[in-house]
Amino acid sequence: MELIIAIFIGLLFACGVYLILRRSIVKVILGIFVLSNATNLIIFLAGGIKSEAVAFIPDDAESLNPELINDPMAQVLILKAIVIGLGIAAYILALKYRYFEVTGTHDLDQLKNTDQK
């Protein structure tokens, strides 16, 4: 299972880097989102995947095998990263909207011709 997720993360990183290297500002923004999701999956994979494990120890449990416990810190970090990523996404999309209003183009190469004298 971990190998399949690791391959999928590698594909996400490759797609994200490819999109960031494109000329369109929309593709650059999408590449940043894809890289953000790939990073979240790496953190999730680093926390360990155990299908029958619990994330929190019950209060009435006197002894519990440590191998049966998931690491909740990775889950908390991913949740915070998702919330922060959504805030950044809203901000970047607002900037992109204003960028298009001012320049009238999505192409980063045409940005050189928008200098006002």
C-alpha atoms as a PDB file:
ATOM      1  CA  MET A   1       0.000   0.000   0.000  1.00  0.00           C
ATOM      2  CA  GLU A   2       2.786   2.404   0.892  1.00  0.00           C
ATOM      3  CA  LEU A   3       4.526   1.727  -2.415  1.00  0.00           C
ATOM      4  CA  ILE A   4       1.409   2.633  -4.405  1.00  0.00           C
ATOM      5  CA  ILE A   5       0.974   5.868  -2.451  1.00  0.00           C
ATOM      6  CA  ALA A   6       4.677   6.705  -2.878  1.00  0.00           C
ATOM      7  CA  ILE A   7       4.405   6.245  -6.650  1.00  0.00           C
ATOM      8  CA  PHE A   8       1.275   8.395  -6.702  1.00  0.00           C
ATOM      9  CA  ILE A   9       3.074  11.122  -4.704  1.00  0.00           C
ATOM     10  CA  GLY A  10       5.949  11.025  -7.206  1.00  0.00           C
ATOM     11  CA  LEU A  11       3.487  11.465 -10.063  1.00  0.00           C
ATOM     12  CA  LEU A  12       1.837  14.375  -8.274  1.00  0.00           C
ATOM     13  CA  PHE A  13       5.196  16.069  -7.744  1.00  0.00           C
ATOM     14  CA  ALA A  14       6.103  15.545 -11.414  1.00  0.00           C
ATOM     15  CA  CYS A  15       2.768  17.012 -12.541  1.00  0.00           C
ATOM     16  CA  GLY A  16       3.145  19.940 -10.131  1.00  0.00           C
ATOM     17  CA  VAL A  17       6.651  20.797 -11.318  1.00  0.00           C
ATOM     18  CA  TYR A  18       5.536  20.494 -14.952  1.00  0.00           C
ATOM     19  CA  LEU A  19       2.648  22.888 -14.333  1.00  0.00           C
ATOM     20  CA  ILE A  20       4.840  25.395 -12.498  1.00  0.00           C
ATOM     21  CA  LEU A  21       7.212  25.536 -15.465  1.00  0.00           C
ATOM     22  CA  ARG A  22       4.416  26.502 -17.889  1.00  0.00           C
ATOM     23  CA  ARG A  23       3.905  30.048 -19.205  1.00  0.00           C
ATOM     24  CA  SER A  24       0.298  30.517 -18.140  1.00  0.00           C
ATOM     25  CA  ILE A  25      -0.300  31.979 -14.689  1.00  0.00           C
ATOM     26  CA  VAL A  26      -3.325  29.688 -14.268  1.00  0.00           C
ATOM     27  CA  LYS A  27      -1.150  26.600 -14.785  1.00  0.00           C
ATOM     28  CA  VAL A  28       1.419  27.935 -12.319  1.00  0.00           C
ATOM     29  CA  ILE A  29      -1.306  28.359  -9.695  1.00  0.00           C
ATOM     30  CA  LEU A  30      -2.624  24.840 -10.352  1.00  0.00           C
ATOM     31  CA  GLY A  31       0.932  23.504 -10.045  1.00  0.00           C
ATOM     32  CA  ILE A  32       1.276  25.095  -6.617  1.00  0.00           C
ATOM     33  CA  PHE A  33      -1.981  23.450  -5.514  1.00  0.00           C
ATOM     34  CA  VAL A  34      -0.851  20.040  -6.788  1.00  0.00           C
ATOM     35  CA  LEU A  35       2.511  20.353  -5.001  1.00  0.00           C
ATOM     36  CA  SER A  36       0.683  21.305  -1.808  1.00  0.00           C
ATOM     37  CA  ASN A  37      -1.470  18.179  -1.987  1.00  0.00           C
ATOM     38  CA  ALA A  38       1.558  15.992  -2.735  1.00  0.00           C
ATOM     39  CA  THR A  39       3.310  17.387   0.324  1.00  0.00           C
ATOM     40  CA  ASN A  40       0.248  16.637   2.458  1.00  0.00           C
ATOM     41  CA  LEU A  41       0.324  13.039   1.235  1.00  0.00           C
ATOM     42  CA  ILE A  42       4.020  12.746   2.146  1.00  0.00           C
ATOM     43  CA  ILE A  43       3.251  13.887   5.690  1.00  0.00           C
ATOM     44  CA  PHE A  44       0.363  11.414   5.848  1.00  0.00           C
ATOM     45  CA  LEU A  45       2.597   8.580   4.630  1.00  0.00           C
ATOM     46  CA  ALA A  46       5.307   9.512   7.134  1.00  0.00           C
ATOM     47  CA  GLY A  47       2.763   9.170   9.962  1.00  0.00           C
ATOM     48  CA  GLY A  48       2.230   5.520   9.070  1.00  0.00           C
ATOM     49  CA  ILE A  49      -0.684   3.688   7.561  1.00  0.00           C
ATOM     50  CA  LYS A  50      -2.277   1.082   9.801  1.00  0.00           C
ATOM     51  CA  SER A  51      -5.751   0.023   8.821  1.00  0.00           C
ATOM     52  CA  GLU A  52      -6.867  -1.349  12.191  1.00  0.00           C
ATOM     53  CA  ALA A  53      -5.032   1.147  14.388  1.00  0.00           C
ATOM     54  CA  VAL A  54      -6.545   3.800  16.605  1.00  0.00           C
ATOM     55  CA  ALA A  55      -5.460   7.431  16.550  1.00  0.00           C
ATOM     56  CA  PHE A  56      -6.228   8.103  20.211  1.00  0.00           C
ATOM     57  CA  ILE A  57      -5.854   5.932  23.296  1.00  0.00           C
ATOM     58  CA  PRO A  58      -9.130   5.432  25.182  1.00  0.00           C
ATOM     59  CA  ASP A  59      -9.228   6.535  28.828  1.00  0.00           C
ATOM     60  CA  ASP A  60     -10.228   3.093  30.081  1.00  0.00           C
ATOM     61  CA  ALA A  61      -7.351   1.300  28.313  1.00  0.00           C
ATOM     62  CA  GLU A  62      -4.801   0.083  30.849  1.00  0.00           C
ATOM     63  CA  SER A  63      -2.305  -1.302  28.388  1.00  0.00           C
ATOM     64  CA  LEU A  64      -2.237  -1.000  24.638  1.00  0.00           C
ATOM     65  CA  ASN A  65       0.301  -2.294  22.199  1.00  0.00           C
ATOM     66  CA  PRO A  66       2.231   0.730  20.784  1.00  0.00           C
ATOM     67  CA  GLU A  67       2.280  -0.909  17.354  1.00  0.00           C
ATOM     68  CA  LEU A  68      -1.512  -0.573  17.183  1.00  0.00           C
ATOM     69  CA  ILE A  69      -1.518   3.209  17.566  1.00  0.00           C
ATOM     70  CA  ASN A  70      -1.449   5.689  14.673  1.00  0.00           C
ATOM     71  CA  ASP A  71       0.471   8.922  15.042  1.00  0.00           C
ATOM     72  CA  PRO A  72      -2.149  11.699  15.388  1.00  0.00           C
ATOM     73  CA  MET A  73       0.451  14.466  14.913  1.00  0.00           C
ATOM     74  CA  ALA A  74       0.692  13.802  11.183  1.00  0.00           C
ATOM     75  CA  GLN A  75      -3.088  14.009  10.881  1.00  0.00           C
ATOM     76  CA  VAL A  76      -3.144  17.327  12.753  1.00  0.00           C
ATOM     77  CA  LEU A  77      -0.384  18.768  10.552  1.00  0.00           C
ATOM     78  CA  ILE A  78      -2.240  17.735   7.402  1.00  0.00           C
ATOM     79  CA  LEU A  79      -5.479  19.284   8.641  1.00  0.00           C
ATOM     80  CA  LYS A  80      -3.698  22.578   9.370  1.00  0.00           C
ATOM     81  CA  ALA A  81      -1.946  22.455   5.975  1.00  0.00           C
ATOM     82  CA  ILE A  82      -5.274  21.948   4.203  1.00  0.00           C
ATOM     83  CA  VAL A  83      -6.839  24.934   5.959  1.00  0.00           C
ATOM     84  CA  ILE A  84      -3.831  27.155   5.295  1.00  0.00           C
ATOM     85  CA  GLY A  85      -3.697  25.915   1.696  1.00  0.00           C
ATOM     86  CA  LEU A  86      -7.338  26.882   1.143  1.00  0.00           C
ATOM     87  CA  GLY A  87      -6.655  30.372   2.494  1.00  0.00           C
ATOM     88  CA  ILE A  88      -3.632  30.767   0.257  1.00  0.00           C
ATOM     89  CA  ALA A  89      -5.645  29.455  -2.702  1.00  0.00           C
ATOM     90  CA  ALA A  90      -8.324  32.100  -2.189  1.00  0.00           C
ATOM     91  CA  TYR A  91      -5.664  34.814  -1.921  1.00  0.00           C
ATOM     92  CA  ILE A  92      -3.786  33.649  -5.023  1.00  0.00           C
ATOM     93  CA  LEU A  93      -6.980  33.450  -7.068  1.00  0.00           C
ATOM     94  CA  ALA A  94      -7.913  36.996  -6.007  1.00  0.00           C
ATOM     95  CA  LEU A  95      -4.444  38.175  -7.054  1.00  0.00           C
ATOM     96  CA  LYS A  96      -4.797  36.357 -10.372  1.00  0.00           C
ATOM     97  CA  TYR A  97      -8.143  38.044 -11.017  1.00  0.00           C
ATOM     98  CA  ARG A  98      -6.623  41.470 -10.368  1.00  0.00           C
ATOM     99  CA  TYR A  99      -3.560  40.559 -12.464  1.00  0.00           C
ATOM    100  CA  PHE A 100      -5.790  39.737 -15.432  1.00  0.00           C
ATOM    101  CA  GLU A 101      -7.761  42.981 -15.013  1.00  0.00           C
ATOM    102  CA  VAL A 102      -4.573  45.067 -15.110  1.00  0.00           C
ATOM    103  CA  THR A 103      -2.617  43.210 -17.806  1.00  0.00           C
ATOM    104  CA  GLY A 104      -5.366  41.596 -19.882  1.00  0.00           C
ATOM    105  CA  THR A 105      -3.352  38.387 -20.345  1.00  0.00           C
ATOM    106  CA  HIS A 106      -2.649  35.059 -18.670  1.00  0.00           C
ATOM    107  CA  ASP A 107       0.723  34.604 -20.374  1.00  0.00           C
ATOM    108  CA  LEU A 108       3.747  35.376 -18.212  1.00  0.00           C
ATOM    109  CA  ASP A 109       5.921  36.144 -21.263  1.00  0.00           C
ATOM    110  CA  GLN A 110       3.607  38.972 -22.288  1.00  0.00           C
ATOM    111  CA  LEU A 111       4.122  40.562 -18.874  1.00  0.00           C
ATOM    112  CA  LYS A 112       7.335  42.158 -20.200  1.00  0.00           C
ATOM    113  CA  ASN A 113       5.267  44.309 -22.557  1.00  0.00           C
ATOM    114  CA  THR A 114       2.991  45.720 -19.849  1.00  0.00           C
ATOM    115  CA  ASP A 115       5.482  48.198 -18.357  1.00  0.00           C
ATOM    116  CA  GLN A 116       4.063  51.684 -18.402  1.00  0.00           C
ATOM    117  CA  LYS A 117       6.361  54.612 -19.151  1.00  0.00           C
END
